[in-house]
């Protein structure tokens, strides 16, 4: 699906984000580095924990298909 500039401009006429500090917080200084690291780490840790939980649940509930043949040739 291709969206042309005119269609985007109709949906989003303002080119710039209005900086409203109640909606947007910019982490752009060295003082924000620890916060940025913690936010990124917590999101990554959550994704890894979710993946582990789902993969463990999947491996417990499903059986791997058998690779050995049960039929005998005559």
Protein backbone atom coordinates (compact mmCIF):
# COMPACT_ATOMS: atom_id res chain seq x y z
CA UNK A 1 0.00 0.00 0.00
CA UNK A 2 1.41 3.34 -1.04
CA UNK A 3 0.35 6.55 0.65
CA UNK A 4 1.17 9.68 -1.25
CA UNK A 5 2.28 12.94 0.31
CA UNK A 6 -1.06 14.63 -0.44
CA UNK A 7 -2.92 11.89 1.44
CA UNK A 8 -0.58 12.12 4.40
CA UNK A 9 -0.93 15.90 4.43
CA UNK A 10 -4.73 15.57 4.47
CA UNK A 11 -4.57 13.29 7.50
CA UNK A 12 -1.75 15.10 9.28
CA UNK A 13 -1.72 18.74 8.16
CA UNK A 14 0.76 19.97 10.77
CA UNK A 15 4.38 19.25 9.86
CA UNK A 16 5.82 19.84 13.30
CA UNK A 17 5.10 18.27 16.66
CA UNK A 18 3.82 20.79 19.14
CA UNK A 19 6.02 20.37 22.18
CA UNK A 20 3.57 19.97 25.02
CA UNK A 21 5.52 18.84 28.06
CA UNK A 22 2.51 17.02 29.46
CA UNK A 23 2.58 14.73 26.38
CA UNK A 24 6.21 14.59 25.28
CA UNK A 25 9.41 14.29 27.29
CA UNK A 26 12.65 14.59 25.37
CA UNK A 27 15.64 12.64 26.65
CA UNK A 28 18.41 14.54 24.91
CA UNK A 29 21.02 15.47 27.50
CA UNK A 30 23.78 13.62 29.30
CA UNK A 31 21.75 13.97 32.49
CA UNK A 32 19.02 11.85 30.88
CA UNK A 33 21.38 9.02 29.94
CA UNK A 34 20.67 6.86 33.03
CA UNK A 35 16.91 7.26 32.51
CA UNK A 36 17.24 6.41 28.83
CA UNK A 37 19.29 3.32 29.64
CA UNK A 38 16.81 2.11 32.27
CA UNK A 39 13.82 2.63 29.98
CA UNK A 40 15.51 0.77 27.12
CA UNK A 41 16.71 -2.03 29.41
CA UNK A 42 13.29 -2.52 31.02
CA UNK A 43 11.60 -2.74 27.61
CA UNK A 44 14.20 -5.27 26.44
CA UNK A 45 13.91 -7.29 29.66
CA UNK A 46 10.12 -7.36 29.33
CA UNK A 47 10.38 -8.59 25.73
CA UNK A 48 12.83 -11.35 26.70
CA UNK A 49 10.68 -12.44 29.66
CA UNK A 50 7.59 -12.55 27.46
CA UNK A 51 9.42 -14.59 24.82
CA UNK A 52 10.68 -17.06 27.43
CA UNK A 53 7.22 -17.44 28.94
CA UNK A 54 5.61 -18.04 25.56
CA UNK A 55 8.29 -20.45 24.38
CA UNK A 56 8.09 -22.42 27.65
CA UNK A 57 4.30 -22.57 27.42
CA UNK A 58 4.48 -23.66 23.79
CA UNK A 59 6.99 -26.40 24.49
CA UNK A 60 4.85 -27.75 27.35
CA UNK A 61 1.57 -27.78 25.43
CA UNK A 62 2.64 -29.09 22.05
CA UNK A 63 4.33 -32.30 21.17
CA UNK A 64 6.91 -32.42 18.43
CA UNK A 65 5.82 -34.52 15.46
CA UNK A 66 7.39 -37.93 15.34
CA UNK A 67 10.05 -38.47 12.69
CA UNK A 68 9.89 -42.26 12.79
CA UNK A 69 7.52 -44.09 10.53
CA UNK A 70 5.01 -46.46 12.17
CA UNK A 71 3.94 -48.19 8.96
CA UNK A 72 5.82 -51.20 7.68
CA UNK A 73 6.46 -51.90 4.04
CA UNK A 74 5.37 -55.30 2.71
